[in-house]
């Protein structure tokens, strides 16, 4: 049981890290678009 829970916990952490990376990339892209619009 304990090993299953630790594997699950590791998976949740991996998913969270992936989500964070994806969200950061999205935010950077949105900021780039906004700055391009502002500078035109």
C-alpha atoms as a PDB file:
ATOM      1  CA  UNK A   1       0.000   0.000   0.000  1.00  0.00           C
ATOM      2  CA  UNK A   2       2.714   2.487   0.991  1.00  0.00           C
ATOM      3  CA  UNK A   3       4.672   1.950  -2.250  1.00  0.00           C
ATOM      4  CA  UNK A   4       1.518   2.555  -4.299  1.00  0.00           C
ATOM      5  CA  UNK A   5       0.911   5.809  -2.459  1.00  0.00           C
ATOM      6  CA  UNK A   6       4.501   7.013  -2.949  1.00  0.00           C
ATOM      7  CA  UNK A   7       4.306   6.223  -6.692  1.00  0.00           C
ATOM      8  CA  UNK A   8       1.010   8.121  -6.871  1.00  0.00           C
ATOM      9  CA  UNK A   9       2.548  11.055  -5.016  1.00  0.00           C
ATOM     10  CA  UNK A  10       5.519  11.126  -7.403  1.00  0.00           C
ATOM     11  CA  UNK A  11       3.162  11.067 -10.398  1.00  0.00           C
ATOM     12  CA  UNK A  12       1.146  13.962  -8.961  1.00  0.00           C
ATOM     13  CA  UNK A  13       4.361  15.963  -8.473  1.00  0.00           C
ATOM     14  CA  UNK A  14       5.452  15.231 -12.066  1.00  0.00           C
ATOM     15  CA  UNK A  15       2.073  16.294 -13.414  1.00  0.00           C
ATOM     16  CA  UNK A  16       2.180  19.452 -11.300  1.00  0.00           C
ATOM     17  CA  UNK A  17       5.670  20.308 -12.627  1.00  0.00           C
ATOM     18  CA  UNK A  18       4.547  19.714 -16.232  1.00  0.00           C
ATOM     19  CA  UNK A  19       1.481  21.897 -15.697  1.00  0.00           C
ATOM     20  CA  UNK A  20       3.603  24.648 -14.180  1.00  0.00           C
ATOM     21  CA  UNK A  21       6.006  24.572 -17.166  1.00  0.00           C
ATOM     22  CA  UNK A  22       3.124  24.615 -19.638  1.00  0.00           C
ATOM     23  CA  UNK A  23       1.370  27.478 -17.847  1.00  0.00           C
ATOM     24  CA  UNK A  24       4.624  29.487 -17.691  1.00  0.00           C
ATOM     25  CA  UNK A  25       5.123  29.027 -21.449  1.00  0.00           C
ATOM     26  CA  UNK A  26       1.521  30.083 -22.122  1.00  0.00           C
ATOM     27  CA  UNK A  27       1.887  33.180 -19.927  1.00  0.00           C
ATOM     28  CA  UNK A  28       5.134  34.168 -21.681  1.00  0.00           C
ATOM     29  CA  UNK A  29       3.464  33.756 -25.083  1.00  0.00           C
ATOM     30  CA  UNK A  30       0.489  35.879 -24.012  1.00  0.00           C
ATOM     31  CA  UNK A  31       2.804  38.597 -22.654  1.00  0.00           C
ATOM     32  CA  UNK A  32       4.753  38.591 -25.944  1.00  0.00           C
ATOM     33  CA  UNK A  33       1.535  39.037 -27.920  1.00  0.00           C
ATOM     34  CA  UNK A  34       0.405  41.881 -25.643  1.00  0.00           C
ATOM     35  CA  UNK A  35       3.765  43.670 -25.910  1.00  0.00           C
ATOM     36  CA  UNK A  36       3.743  43.301 -29.716  1.00  0.00           C
ATOM     37  CA  UNK A  37       0.261  44.840 -29.861  1.00  0.00           C
ATOM     38  CA  UNK A  38       1.342  47.678 -27.548  1.00  0.00           C
ATOM     39  CA  UNK A  39       4.445  48.534 -29.592  1.00  0.00           C
ATOM     40  CA  UNK A  40       2.605  48.717 -32.929  1.00  0.00           C
END
